[in-house]
């Protein structure tokens, strides 16, 4: 082969290697993203990671933290159009993307504005503008006349195009940082957690030796105990986590996605109760509320507020259950 032919072949191989290794961020990468999203028509704030923007808009910064978010590209954590714009970019790059209503929060559907019985709405929520839940659907009261209520079950931002401005501020490479970032995104909580490798015993089926079986004899299942190493994410439980409604209903899905994304074997939620915790629980509700793992009454009230749980309703349910048991 001539020198010129060899040079052409080398150039071709170099081009193929370049095509096989795309530059910039790709699906599966963990990045830190700062962003602000507003409606296109009214420039109403939809979401932001910037504290100063939230303060300008009068958003209560006690309800959530404002800091760059950990995003895994290709996992649907942000709008598809924004993900597509980020792919191929690098740390420090910025972008602005308009997301059509149909791809954001959906088009406004007149059929989702329905009349329902006012009895399905709590007395305290029977006024225009109230956010209510009717037959498992979230909606907003438009009008109430007599015993009938007109409720809009569309998403509050249905029909709105959204402008999404972002900056890629970093990457997330450490496994524990990735775990903390994911839970911050899922639940908006800073949780104490750690990763360690555990050696655990498991039962495994043993393949029987067919030479030991008589003709026509069916093998009986046998097991043996083996030791396996399990990469484990431990999370310290808190009252806020335990009573968080999203965690209550989606813990299996959240944990499974975390295991898949971090390539770990299991997630263990670990609850620590110290000696000052539950001593008075059997003495009645007052003792229980005074303990709860060493937390004081103010801590419990704060946890209930964070979890959007009504303490009075909990007390009523417990007292009602006790009355039924005594009847």
C-alpha atoms as a PDB file:
ATOM      1  CA  UNK A   1       0.000   0.000   0.000  1.00  0.00           C
ATOM      2  CA  UNK A   2       1.393   3.420  -0.954  1.00  0.00           C
ATOM      3  CA  UNK A   3       2.156   6.099   1.620  1.00  0.00           C
ATOM      4  CA  UNK A   4      -0.694   8.202   0.213  1.00  0.00           C
ATOM      5  CA  UNK A   5      -3.207   5.347   0.586  1.00  0.00           C
ATOM      6  CA  UNK A   6      -2.047   4.690   4.146  1.00  0.00           C
ATOM      7  CA  UNK A   7      -2.496   8.370   4.978  1.00  0.00           C
ATOM      8  CA  UNK A   8      -6.026   8.364   3.519  1.00  0.00           C
ATOM      9  CA  UNK A   9      -6.908   5.263   5.555  1.00  0.00           C
ATOM     10  CA  UNK A  10      -5.564   6.864   8.750  1.00  0.00           C
ATOM     11  CA  UNK A  11      -7.624  10.007   8.106  1.00  0.00           C
ATOM     12  CA  UNK A  12     -10.758   7.886   7.578  1.00  0.00           C
ATOM     13  CA  UNK A  13     -10.215   6.028  10.862  1.00  0.00           C
ATOM     14  CA  UNK A  14      -9.682   9.324  12.693  1.00  0.00           C
ATOM     15  CA  UNK A  15     -12.937  10.694  11.274  1.00  0.00           C
ATOM     16  CA  UNK A  16     -14.836   7.559  12.374  1.00  0.00           C
ATOM     17  CA  UNK A  17     -13.443   7.854  15.912  1.00  0.00           C
ATOM     18  CA  UNK A  18     -14.495  11.505  16.028  1.00  0.00           C
ATOM     19  CA  UNK A  19     -18.028  10.596  14.922  1.00  0.00           C
ATOM     20  CA  UNK A  20     -18.205   7.853  17.558  1.00  0.00           C
ATOM     21  CA  UNK A  21     -17.361  10.264  20.387  1.00  0.00           C
ATOM     22  CA  UNK A  22     -19.749  13.253  20.260  1.00  0.00           C
ATOM     23  CA  UNK A  23     -18.637  16.369  22.048  1.00  0.00           C
ATOM     24  CA  UNK A  24     -20.418  18.051  24.935  1.00  0.00           C
ATOM     25  CA  UNK A  25     -23.035  16.717  27.296  1.00  0.00           C
ATOM     26  CA  UNK A  26     -25.056  13.676  26.284  1.00  0.00           C
ATOM     27  CA  UNK A  27     -28.036  11.762  27.670  1.00  0.00           C
ATOM     28  CA  UNK A  28     -27.174  10.153  30.991  1.00  0.00           C
ATOM     29  CA  UNK A  29     -24.874  12.981  32.126  1.00  0.00           C
ATOM     30  CA  UNK A  30     -25.450  14.607  35.523  1.00  0.00           C
ATOM     31  CA  UNK A  31     -25.290  18.393  35.336  1.00  0.00           C
ATOM     32  CA  UNK A  32     -26.077  21.351  37.583  1.00  0.00           C
ATOM     33  CA  UNK A  33     -28.503  23.768  35.990  1.00  0.00           C
ATOM     34  CA  UNK A  34     -29.588  27.289  36.882  1.00  0.00           C
ATOM     35  CA  UNK A  35     -32.789  28.377  35.197  1.00  0.00           C
ATOM     36  CA  UNK A  36     -35.794  30.667  35.188  1.00  0.00           C
ATOM     37  CA  UNK A  37     -39.017  29.773  33.383  1.00  0.00           C
ATOM     38  CA  UNK A  38     -41.771  32.302  32.621  1.00  0.00           C
ATOM     39  CA  UNK A  39     -44.942  32.317  30.554  1.00  0.00           C
ATOM     40  CA  UNK A  40     -44.383  33.957  27.176  1.00  0.00           C
ATOM     41  CA  UNK A  41     -47.558  36.045  27.121  1.00  0.00           C
ATOM     42  CA  UNK A  42     -47.659  37.512  30.636  1.00  0.00           C
ATOM     43  CA  UNK A  43     -44.068  36.804  31.774  1.00  0.00           C
ATOM     44  CA  UNK A  44     -45.493  35.136  34.875  1.00  0.00           C
ATOM     45  CA  UNK A  45     -42.875  33.236  36.868  1.00  0.00           C
ATOM     46  CA  UNK A  46     -43.252  29.456  36.507  1.00  0.00           C
ATOM     47  CA  UNK A  47     -40.101  28.287  38.298  1.00  0.00           C
ATOM     48  CA  UNK A  48     -36.602  29.479  39.135  1.00  0.00           C
ATOM     49  CA  UNK A  49     -33.427  28.433  40.900  1.00  0.00           C
ATOM     50  CA  UNK A  50     -32.407  32.050  41.516  1.00  0.00           C
ATOM     51  CA  UNK A  51     -33.144  33.411  44.988  1.00  0.00           C
ATOM     52  CA  UNK A  52     -33.086  37.049  43.811  1.00  0.00           C
ATOM     53  CA  UNK A  53     -35.655  36.310  41.098  1.00  0.00           C
ATOM     54  CA  UNK A  54     -37.918  34.592  43.626  1.00  0.00           C
ATOM     55  CA  UNK A  55     -37.645  37.560  46.010  1.00  0.00           C
ATOM     56  CA  UNK A  56     -38.525  40.012  43.226  1.00  0.00           C
ATOM     57  CA  UNK A  57     -41.631  37.948  42.447  1.00  0.00           C
ATOM     58  CA  UNK A  58     -42.628  37.665  46.123  1.00  0.00           C
ATOM     59  CA  UNK A  59     -42.118  33.894  46.272  1.00  0.00           C
ATOM     60  CA  UNK A  60     -41.841  32.581  49.835  1.00  0.00           C
ATOM     61  CA  UNK A  61     -38.264  31.338  50.163  1.00  0.00           C
ATOM     62  CA  UNK A  62     -39.163  29.407  53.320  1.00  0.00           C
ATOM     63  CA  UNK A  63     -41.106  26.901  51.228  1.00  0.00           C
ATOM     64  CA  UNK A  64     -38.171  25.729  49.115  1.00  0.00           C
ATOM     65  CA  UNK A  65     -34.473  26.193  48.477  1.00  0.00           C
ATOM     66  CA  UNK A  66     -33.116  28.200  45.565  1.00  0.00           C
ATOM     67  CA  UNK A  67     -29.914  26.749  44.144  1.00  0.00           C
ATOM     68  CA  UNK A  68     -28.735  24.993  40.968  1.00  0.00           C
ATOM     69  CA  UNK A  69     -30.632  21.773  40.323  1.00  0.00           C
ATOM     70  CA  UNK A  70     -29.097  18.393  39.582  1.00  0.00           C
ATOM     71  CA  UNK A  71     -30.474  17.210  36.244  1.00  0.00           C
ATOM     72  CA  UNK A  72     -29.894  13.889  34.482  1.00  0.00           C
ATOM     73  CA  UNK A  73     -30.182  14.434  30.755  1.00  0.00           C
ATOM     74  CA  UNK A  74     -32.543  12.100  28.959  1.00  0.00           C
ATOM     75  CA  UNK A  75     -34.580  11.206  32.061  1.00  0.00           C
ATOM     76  CA  UNK A  76     -37.413  13.707  31.595  1.00  0.00           C
ATOM     77  CA  UNK A  77     -36.504  15.938  34.544  1.00  0.00           C
ATOM     78  CA  UNK A  78     -36.978  19.018  32.365  1.00  0.00           C
ATOM     79  CA  UNK A  79     -38.904  19.761  29.172  1.00  0.00           C
ATOM     80  CA  UNK A  80     -37.742  17.749  26.147  1.00  0.00           C
ATOM     81  CA  UNK A  81     -37.028  20.926  24.193  1.00  0.00           C
ATOM     82  CA  UNK A  82     -34.640  22.173  26.893  1.00  0.00           C
ATOM     83  CA  UNK A  83     -32.849  18.823  27.071  1.00  0.00           C
ATOM     84  CA  UNK A  84     -32.389  18.807  23.317  1.00  0.00           C
ATOM     85  CA  UNK A  85     -30.910  22.315  23.477  1.00  0.00           C
ATOM     86  CA  UNK A  86     -28.444  21.309  26.220  1.00  0.00           C
ATOM     87  CA  UNK A  87     -27.118  18.174  24.498  1.00  0.00           C
ATOM     88  CA  UNK A  88     -23.719  18.963  22.997  1.00  0.00           C
ATOM     89  CA  UNK A  89     -23.089  21.987  25.218  1.00  0.00           C
ATOM     90  CA  UNK A  90     -20.552  22.422  28.012  1.00  0.00           C
ATOM     91  CA  UNK A  91     -20.233  24.015  31.457  1.00  0.00           C
ATOM     92  CA  UNK A  92     -20.728  27.774  31.222  1.00  0.00           C
ATOM     93  CA  UNK A  93     -22.998  27.624  28.187  1.00  0.00           C
ATOM     94  CA  UNK A  94     -26.393  29.328  28.308  1.00  0.00           C
ATOM     95  CA  UNK A  95     -29.564  29.012  26.325  1.00  0.00           C
ATOM     96  CA  UNK A  96     -33.114  30.234  25.878  1.00  0.00           C
ATOM     97  CA  UNK A  97     -35.854  27.920  24.650  1.00  0.00           C
ATOM     98  CA  UNK A  98     -39.553  28.478  24.025  1.00  0.00           C
ATOM     99  CA  UNK A  99     -41.739  25.502  24.879  1.00  0.00           C
ATOM    100  CA  UNK A 100     -45.155  25.395  23.201  1.00  0.00           C
ATOM    101  CA  UNK A 101     -48.147  24.940  25.495  1.00  0.00           C
ATOM    102  CA  UNK A 102     -48.841  21.450  24.154  1.00  0.00           C
ATOM    103  CA  UNK A 103     -45.307  20.368  25.144  1.00  0.00           C
ATOM    104  CA  UNK A 104     -45.329  22.263  28.456  1.00  0.00           C
ATOM    105  CA  UNK A 105     -48.479  21.971  30.575  1.00  0.00           C
ATOM    106  CA  UNK A 106     -50.937  21.076  27.834  1.00  0.00           C
ATOM    107  CA  UNK A 107     -53.496  22.980  25.811  1.00  0.00           C
ATOM    108  CA  UNK A 108     -56.497  24.415  27.625  1.00  0.00           C
ATOM    109  CA  UNK A 109     -59.414  21.971  27.388  1.00  0.00           C
ATOM    110  CA  UNK A 110     -62.920  23.400  27.808  1.00  0.00           C
ATOM    111  CA  UNK A 111     -64.210  19.926  28.642  1.00  0.00           C
ATOM    112  CA  UNK A 112     -62.076  20.000  31.785  1.00  0.00           C
ATOM    113  CA  UNK A 113     -64.204  22.852  33.182  1.00  0.00           C
ATOM    114  CA  UNK A 114     -67.101  21.023  34.814  1.00  0.00           C
ATOM    115  CA  UNK A 115     -70.012  21.594  37.177  1.00  0.00           C
ATOM    116  CA  UNK A 116     -69.997  19.490  40.343  1.00  0.00           C
ATOM    117  CA  UNK A 117     -71.992  19.328  43.538  1.00  0.00           C
ATOM    118  CA  UNK A 118     -70.792  21.877  46.090  1.00  0.00           C
ATOM    119  CA  UNK A 119     -71.020  19.109  48.707  1.00  0.00           C
ATOM    120  CA  UNK A 120     -67.894  17.584  47.174  1.00  0.00           C
ATOM    121  CA  UNK A 121     -65.944  20.668  48.227  1.00  0.00           C
ATOM    122  CA  UNK A 122     -64.999  21.442  51.826  1.00  0.00           C
ATOM    123  CA  UNK A 123     -66.886  24.363  53.381  1.00  0.00           C
ATOM    124  CA  UNK A 124     -63.680  26.359  53.825  1.00  0.00           C
ATOM    125  CA  UNK A 125     -62.898  26.069  50.085  1.00  0.00           C
ATOM    126  CA  UNK A 126     -66.243  27.168  48.681  1.00  0.00           C
ATOM    127  CA  UNK A 127     -65.060  30.404  47.086  1.00  0.00           C
ATOM    128  CA  UNK A 128     -63.750  31.432  43.618  1.00  0.00           C
ATOM    129  CA  UNK A 129     -60.048  30.737  43.200  1.00  0.00           C
ATOM    130  CA  UNK A 130     -59.817  27.996  45.808  1.00  0.00           C
ATOM    131  CA  UNK A 131     -57.618  25.018  44.914  1.00  0.00           C
ATOM    132  CA  UNK A 132     -59.692  21.892  45.569  1.00  0.00           C
ATOM    133  CA  UNK A 133     -59.632  18.151  45.046  1.00  0.00           C
ATOM    134  CA  UNK A 134     -62.782  16.504  43.720  1.00  0.00           C
ATOM    135  CA  UNK A 135     -62.983  12.762  43.123  1.00  0.00           C
ATOM    136  CA  UNK A 136     -59.196  12.552  43.075  1.00  0.00           C
ATOM    137  CA  UNK A 137     -58.748  15.419  40.605  1.00  0.00           C
ATOM    138  CA  UNK A 138     -57.070  18.738  41.395  1.00  0.00           C
ATOM    139  CA  UNK A 139     -58.944  21.832  40.252  1.00  0.00           C
ATOM    140  CA  UNK A 140     -59.698  25.504  40.830  1.00  0.00           C
ATOM    141  CA  UNK A 141     -63.127  26.833  41.788  1.00  0.00           C
ATOM    142  CA  UNK A 142     -64.463  29.367  39.288  1.00  0.00           C
ATOM    143  CA  UNK A 143     -67.948  30.028  40.649  1.00  0.00           C
ATOM    144  CA  UNK A 144     -70.374  28.651  43.223  1.00  0.00           C
ATOM    145  CA  UNK A 145     -74.093  29.184  42.823  1.00  0.00           C
ATOM    146  CA  UNK A 146     -76.460  27.457  45.215  1.00  0.00           C
ATOM    147  CA  UNK A 147     -75.459  23.839  45.550  1.00  0.00           C
ATOM    148  CA  UNK A 148     -73.415  23.725  42.343  1.00  0.00           C
ATOM    149  CA  UNK A 149     -69.769  24.657  41.737  1.00  0.00           C
ATOM    150  CA  UNK A 150     -67.989  25.350  38.466  1.00  0.00           C
ATOM    151  CA  UNK A 151     -64.476  23.852  38.702  1.00  0.00           C
ATOM    152  CA  UNK A 152     -61.582  24.137  36.239  1.00  0.00           C
ATOM    153  CA  UNK A 153     -59.600  20.875  36.246  1.00  0.00           C
ATOM    154  CA  UNK A 154     -57.021  22.057  33.705  1.00  0.00           C
ATOM    155  CA  UNK A 155     -53.442  22.587  34.886  1.00  0.00           C
ATOM    156  CA  UNK A 156     -53.154  26.217  36.106  1.00  0.00           C
ATOM    157  CA  UNK A 157     -50.672  26.879  33.261  1.00  0.00           C
ATOM    158  CA  UNK A 158     -52.587  25.008  30.552  1.00  0.00           C
ATOM    159  CA  UNK A 159     -52.533  26.898  27.251  1.00  0.00           C
ATOM    160  CA  UNK A 160     -49.407  28.886  28.168  1.00  0.00           C
ATOM    161  CA  UNK A 161     -46.211  28.855  26.111  1.00  0.00           C
ATOM    162  CA  UNK A 162     -43.149  28.905  28.384  1.00  0.00           C
ATOM    163  CA  UNK A 163     -39.804  30.665  27.951  1.00  0.00           C
ATOM    164  CA  UNK A 164     -36.991  28.701  29.602  1.00  0.00           C
ATOM    165  CA  UNK A 165     -33.651  30.487  30.196  1.00  0.00           C
ATOM    166  CA  UNK A 166     -30.814  28.406  31.607  1.00  0.00           C
ATOM    167  CA  UNK A 167     -27.101  28.241  32.385  1.00  0.00           C
ATOM    168  CA  UNK A 168     -25.055  25.064  32.832  1.00  0.00           C
ATOM    169  CA  UNK A 169     -23.049  25.788  35.990  1.00  0.00           C
ATOM    170  CA  UNK A 170     -21.336  22.454  36.618  1.00  0.00           C
ATOM    171  CA  UNK A 171     -21.239  18.689  36.475  1.00  0.00           C
ATOM    172  CA  UNK A 172     -21.984  16.182  39.242  1.00  0.00           C
ATOM    173  CA  UNK A 173     -19.503  13.317  39.279  1.00  0.00           C
ATOM    174  CA  UNK A 174     -19.451  12.073  42.890  1.00  0.00           C
ATOM    175  CA  UNK A 175     -21.944   9.269  43.563  1.00  0.00           C
ATOM    176  CA  UNK A 176     -23.109  10.692  46.908  1.00  0.00           C
ATOM    177  CA  UNK A 177     -23.472  14.199  45.468  1.00  0.00           C
ATOM    178  CA  UNK A 178     -25.588  12.700  42.704  1.00  0.00           C
ATOM    179  CA  UNK A 179     -27.821  10.941  45.244  1.00  0.00           C
ATOM    180  CA  UNK A 180     -28.292  14.108  47.295  1.00  0.00           C
ATOM    181  CA  UNK A 181     -29.014  16.120  44.156  1.00  0.00           C
ATOM    182  CA  UNK A 182     -31.655  13.635  43.008  1.00  0.00           C
ATOM    183  CA  UNK A 183     -33.504  13.695  46.324  1.00  0.00           C
ATOM    184  CA  UNK A 184     -33.270  17.486  46.404  1.00  0.00           C
ATOM    185  CA  UNK A 185     -34.954  17.538  43.012  1.00  0.00           C
ATOM    186  CA  UNK A 186     -37.584  14.901  43.860  1.00  0.00           C
ATOM    187  CA  UNK A 187     -38.582  16.175  47.311  1.00  0.00           C
ATOM    188  CA  UNK A 188     -36.793  19.541  47.770  1.00  0.00           C
ATOM    189  CA  UNK A 189     -35.096  18.164  50.901  1.00  0.00           C
ATOM    190  CA  UNK A 190     -31.510  18.098  52.153  1.00  0.00           C
ATOM    191  CA  UNK A 191     -31.212  14.615  53.649  1.00  0.00           C
ATOM    192  CA  UNK A 192     -28.322  12.989  55.473  1.00  0.00           C
ATOM    193  CA  UNK A 193     -27.167   9.988  53.455  1.00  0.00           C
ATOM    194  CA  UNK A 194     -24.134   7.847  52.738  1.00  0.00           C
ATOM    195  CA  UNK A 195     -23.081   5.020  50.422  1.00  0.00           C
ATOM    196  CA  UNK A 196     -21.340   1.883  51.618  1.00  0.00           C
ATOM    197  CA  UNK A 197     -20.719  -1.666  50.444  1.00  0.00           C
ATOM    198  CA  UNK A 198     -22.424  -4.295  52.617  1.00  0.00           C
ATOM    199  CA  UNK A 199     -21.808  -8.038  52.679  1.00  0.00           C
ATOM    200  CA  UNK A 200     -25.134  -9.831  52.982  1.00  0.00           C
ATOM    201  CA  UNK A 201     -26.194 -13.468  52.998  1.00  0.00           C
ATOM    202  CA  UNK A 202     -28.645 -14.633  50.338  1.00  0.00           C
ATOM    203  CA  UNK A 203     -30.285 -17.914  49.431  1.00  0.00           C
ATOM    204  CA  UNK A 204     -29.616 -19.107  45.887  1.00  0.00           C
ATOM    205  CA  UNK A 205     -31.005 -22.071  43.979  1.00  0.00           C
ATOM    206  CA  UNK A 206     -28.524 -24.860  43.366  1.00  0.00           C
ATOM    207  CA  UNK A 207     -28.537 -26.687  40.037  1.00  0.00           C
ATOM    208  CA  UNK A 208     -28.924 -30.401  40.881  1.00  0.00           C
ATOM    209  CA  UNK A 209     -26.470 -32.951  39.527  1.00  0.00           C
ATOM    210  CA  UNK A 210     -28.477 -34.924  36.968  1.00  0.00           C
ATOM    211  CA  UNK A 211     -26.135 -37.894  37.386  1.00  0.00           C
ATOM    212  CA  UNK A 212     -27.459 -38.346  40.932  1.00  0.00           C
ATOM    213  CA  UNK A 213     -31.079 -38.607  39.747  1.00  0.00           C
ATOM    214  CA  UNK A 214     -32.769 -41.870  38.911  1.00  0.00           C
ATOM    215  CA  UNK A 215     -34.525 -42.186  35.580  1.00  0.00           C
ATOM    216  CA  UNK A 216     -37.793 -40.242  35.585  1.00  0.00           C
ATOM    217  CA  UNK A 217     -37.055 -38.648  38.962  1.00  0.00           C
ATOM    218  CA  UNK A 218     -37.889 -34.936  39.225  1.00  0.00           C
ATOM    219  CA  UNK A 219     -35.185 -32.842  40.937  1.00  0.00           C
ATOM    220  CA  UNK A 220     -36.173 -31.178  44.209  1.00  0.00           C
ATOM    221  CA  UNK A 221     -35.274 -27.492  44.521  1.00  0.00           C
ATOM    222  CA  UNK A 222     -32.265 -26.924  46.736  1.00  0.00           C
ATOM    223  CA  UNK A 223     -30.738 -23.701  47.981  1.00  0.00           C
ATOM    224  CA  UNK A 224     -27.459 -22.656  49.452  1.00  0.00           C
ATOM    225  CA  UNK A 225     -26.441 -19.585  51.440  1.00  0.00           C
ATOM    226  CA  UNK A 226     -23.943 -17.340  49.688  1.00  0.00           C
ATOM    227  CA  UNK A 227     -22.423 -13.982  50.565  1.00  0.00           C
ATOM    228  CA  UNK A 228     -23.012 -11.099  48.177  1.00  0.00           C
ATOM    229  CA  UNK A 229     -21.677  -7.544  48.189  1.00  0.00           C
ATOM    230  CA  UNK A 230     -24.415  -4.913  47.928  1.00  0.00           C
ATOM    231  CA  UNK A 231     -23.761  -1.274  47.116  1.00  0.00           C
ATOM    232  CA  UNK A 232     -26.200   0.468  49.445  1.00  0.00           C
ATOM    233  CA  UNK A 233     -27.464   4.034  49.768  1.00  0.00           C
ATOM    234  CA  UNK A 234     -28.444   4.741  53.367  1.00  0.00           C
ATOM    235  CA  UNK A 235     -30.781   7.664  54.108  1.00  0.00           C
ATOM    236  CA  UNK A 236     -31.443   8.991  57.592  1.00  0.00           C
ATOM    237  CA  UNK A 237     -35.208   9.319  58.051  1.00  0.00           C
ATOM    238  CA  UNK A 238     -36.630  12.622  59.315  1.00  0.00           C
ATOM    239  CA  UNK A 239     -40.195  13.572  60.301  1.00  0.00           C
ATOM    240  CA  UNK A 240     -40.388  15.700  57.143  1.00  0.00           C
ATOM    241  CA  UNK A 241     -39.428  12.743  54.951  1.00  0.00           C
ATOM    242  CA  UNK A 242     -41.707  10.286  56.742  1.00  0.00           C
ATOM    243  CA  UNK A 243     -44.752  12.544  56.350  1.00  0.00           C
ATOM    244  CA  UNK A 244     -43.984  13.891  52.880  1.00  0.00           C
ATOM    245  CA  UNK A 245     -46.959  12.918  50.714  1.00  0.00           C
ATOM    246  CA  UNK A 246     -44.938  12.520  47.516  1.00  0.00           C
ATOM    247  CA  UNK A 247     -42.553  10.167  49.318  1.00  0.00           C
ATOM    248  CA  UNK A 248     -45.470   8.273  50.878  1.00  0.00           C
ATOM    249  CA  UNK A 249     -47.034   7.487  47.507  1.00  0.00           C
ATOM    250  CA  UNK A 250     -43.962   7.264  45.244  1.00  0.00           C
ATOM    251  CA  UNK A 251     -41.136   5.924  47.409  1.00  0.00           C
ATOM    252  CA  UNK A 252     -40.854   2.711  45.372  1.00  0.00           C
ATOM    253  CA  UNK A 253     -40.622   4.556  42.047  1.00  0.00           C
ATOM    254  CA  UNK A 254     -38.187   7.160  43.410  1.00  0.00           C
ATOM    255  CA  UNK A 255     -35.921   4.548  45.010  1.00  0.00           C
ATOM    256  CA  UNK A 256     -35.946   2.403  41.854  1.00  0.00           C
ATOM    257  CA  UNK A 257     -34.963   5.326  39.651  1.00  0.00           C
ATOM    258  CA  UNK A 258     -32.182   6.309  42.069  1.00  0.00           C
ATOM    259  CA  UNK A 259     -30.825   2.739  42.011  1.00  0.00           C
ATOM    260  CA  UNK A 260     -30.919   2.662  38.212  1.00  0.00           C
ATOM    261  CA  UNK A 261     -29.250   6.064  37.779  1.00  0.00           C
ATOM    262  CA  UNK A 262     -26.553   5.515  40.426  1.00  0.00           C
ATOM    263  CA  UNK A 263     -25.952   1.832  39.611  1.00  0.00           C
ATOM    264  CA  UNK A 264     -26.457   0.725  43.227  1.00  0.00           C
ATOM    265  CA  UNK A 265     -28.186  -2.369  44.562  1.00  0.00           C
ATOM    266  CA  UNK A 266     -30.548  -1.044  47.217  1.00  0.00           C
ATOM    267  CA  UNK A 267     -31.780   1.954  49.220  1.00  0.00           C
ATOM    268  CA  UNK A 268     -32.269   1.694  52.981  1.00  0.00           C
ATOM    269  CA  UNK A 269     -34.163   4.313  54.976  1.00  0.00           C
ATOM    270  CA  UNK A 270     -32.715   4.292  58.465  1.00  0.00           C
ATOM    271  CA  UNK A 271     -34.631   5.684  61.441  1.00  0.00           C
ATOM    272  CA  UNK A 272     -32.783   6.528  64.642  1.00  0.00           C
ATOM    273  CA  UNK A 273     -34.723   6.823  67.911  1.00  0.00           C
ATOM    274  CA  UNK A 274     -32.748   7.971  70.944  1.00  0.00           C
ATOM    275  CA  UNK A 275     -33.543   7.358  74.623  1.00  0.00           C
ATOM    276  CA  UNK A 276     -35.552  10.541  75.060  1.00  0.00           C
ATOM    277  CA  UNK A 277     -37.960   9.674  72.248  1.00  0.00           C
ATOM    278  CA  UNK A 278     -41.041   7.528  72.702  1.00  0.00           C
ATOM    279  CA  UNK A 279     -41.308   6.979  76.456  1.00  0.00           C
ATOM    280  CA  UNK A 280     -44.691   8.613  76.882  1.00  0.00           C
ATOM    281  CA  UNK A 281     -46.411   7.360  73.766  1.00  0.00           C
ATOM    282  CA  UNK A 282     -48.594   4.800  75.547  1.00  0.00           C
ATOM    283  CA  UNK A 283     -49.783   7.457  77.942  1.00  0.00           C
ATOM    284  CA  UNK A 284     -51.843   9.199  75.271  1.00  0.00           C
ATOM    285  CA  UNK A 285     -51.583  11.603  72.387  1.00  0.00           C
ATOM    286  CA  UNK A 286     -49.873  14.301  74.453  1.00  0.00           C
ATOM    287  CA  UNK A 287     -46.988  11.964  75.266  1.00  0.00           C
ATOM    288  CA  UNK A 288     -46.606  10.937  71.650  1.00  0.00           C
ATOM    289  CA  UNK A 289     -46.485  14.480  70.359  1.00  0.00           C
ATOM    290  CA  UNK A 290     -43.944  15.323  73.045  1.00  0.00           C
ATOM    291  CA  UNK A 291     -41.603  12.555  71.883  1.00  0.00           C
ATOM    292  CA  UNK A 292     -41.437  11.384  68.279  1.00  0.00           C
ATOM    293  CA  UNK A 293     -37.764  10.516  68.188  1.00  0.00           C
ATOM    294  CA  UNK A 294     -36.608  13.301  70.480  1.00  0.00           C
ATOM    295  CA  UNK A 295     -38.310  16.086  68.494  1.00  0.00           C
ATOM    296  CA  UNK A 296     -40.084  18.829  70.438  1.00  0.00           C
ATOM    297  CA  UNK A 297     -43.592  20.148  69.833  1.00  0.00           C
ATOM    298  CA  UNK A 298     -42.295  23.000  67.657  1.00  0.00           C
ATOM    299  CA  UNK A 299     -40.284  20.517  65.548  1.00  0.00           C
ATOM    300  CA  UNK A 300     -43.378  18.335  65.028  1.00  0.00           C
ATOM    301  CA  UNK A 301     -45.544  21.306  64.053  1.00  0.00           C
ATOM    302  CA  UNK A 302     -42.872  22.441  61.598  1.00  0.00           C
ATOM    303  CA  UNK A 303     -42.645  18.946  60.126  1.00  0.00           C
ATOM    304  CA  UNK A 304     -46.425  18.776  59.716  1.00  0.00           C
ATOM    305  CA  UNK A 305     -46.436  22.140  57.960  1.00  0.00           C
ATOM    306  CA  UNK A 306     -43.600  21.088  55.650  1.00  0.00           C
ATOM    307  CA  UNK A 307     -45.471  17.892  54.795  1.00  0.00           C
ATOM    308  CA  UNK A 308     -48.765  19.751  54.287  1.00  0.00           C
ATOM    309  CA  UNK A 309     -50.469  17.575  56.894  1.00  0.00           C
ATOM    310  CA  UNK A 310     -53.225  18.851  59.191  1.00  0.00           C
ATOM    311  CA  UNK A 311     -52.393  17.879  62.785  1.00  0.00           C
ATOM    312  CA  UNK A 312     -55.999  18.357  63.926  1.00  0.00           C
ATOM    313  CA  UNK A 313     -57.179  15.869  61.289  1.00  0.00           C
ATOM    314  CA  UNK A 314     -54.623  13.318  62.497  1.00  0.00           C
ATOM    315  CA  UNK A 315     -55.812  13.709  66.096  1.00  0.00           C
ATOM    316  CA  UNK A 316     -59.476  13.378  65.040  1.00  0.00           C
ATOM    317  CA  UNK A 317     -58.741  10.193  63.075  1.00  0.00           C
ATOM    318  CA  UNK A 318     -56.847   8.613  65.986  1.00  0.00           C
ATOM    319  CA  UNK A 319     -59.534   9.550  68.500  1.00  0.00           C
ATOM    320  CA  UNK A 320     -62.245   8.230  66.134  1.00  0.00           C
ATOM    321  CA  UNK A 321     -60.394   4.919  65.782  1.00  0.00           C
ATOM    322  CA  UNK A 322     -60.091   4.678  69.571  1.00  0.00           C
ATOM    323  CA  UNK A 323     -63.831   5.341  70.031  1.00  0.00           C
ATOM    324  CA  UNK A 324     -64.697   2.587  67.529  1.00  0.00           C
ATOM    325  CA  UNK A 325     -62.415   0.140  69.322  1.00  0.00           C
ATOM    326  CA  UNK A 326     -64.116   0.868  72.657  1.00  0.00           C
ATOM    327  CA  UNK A 327     -67.660   0.436  71.309  1.00  0.00           C
END
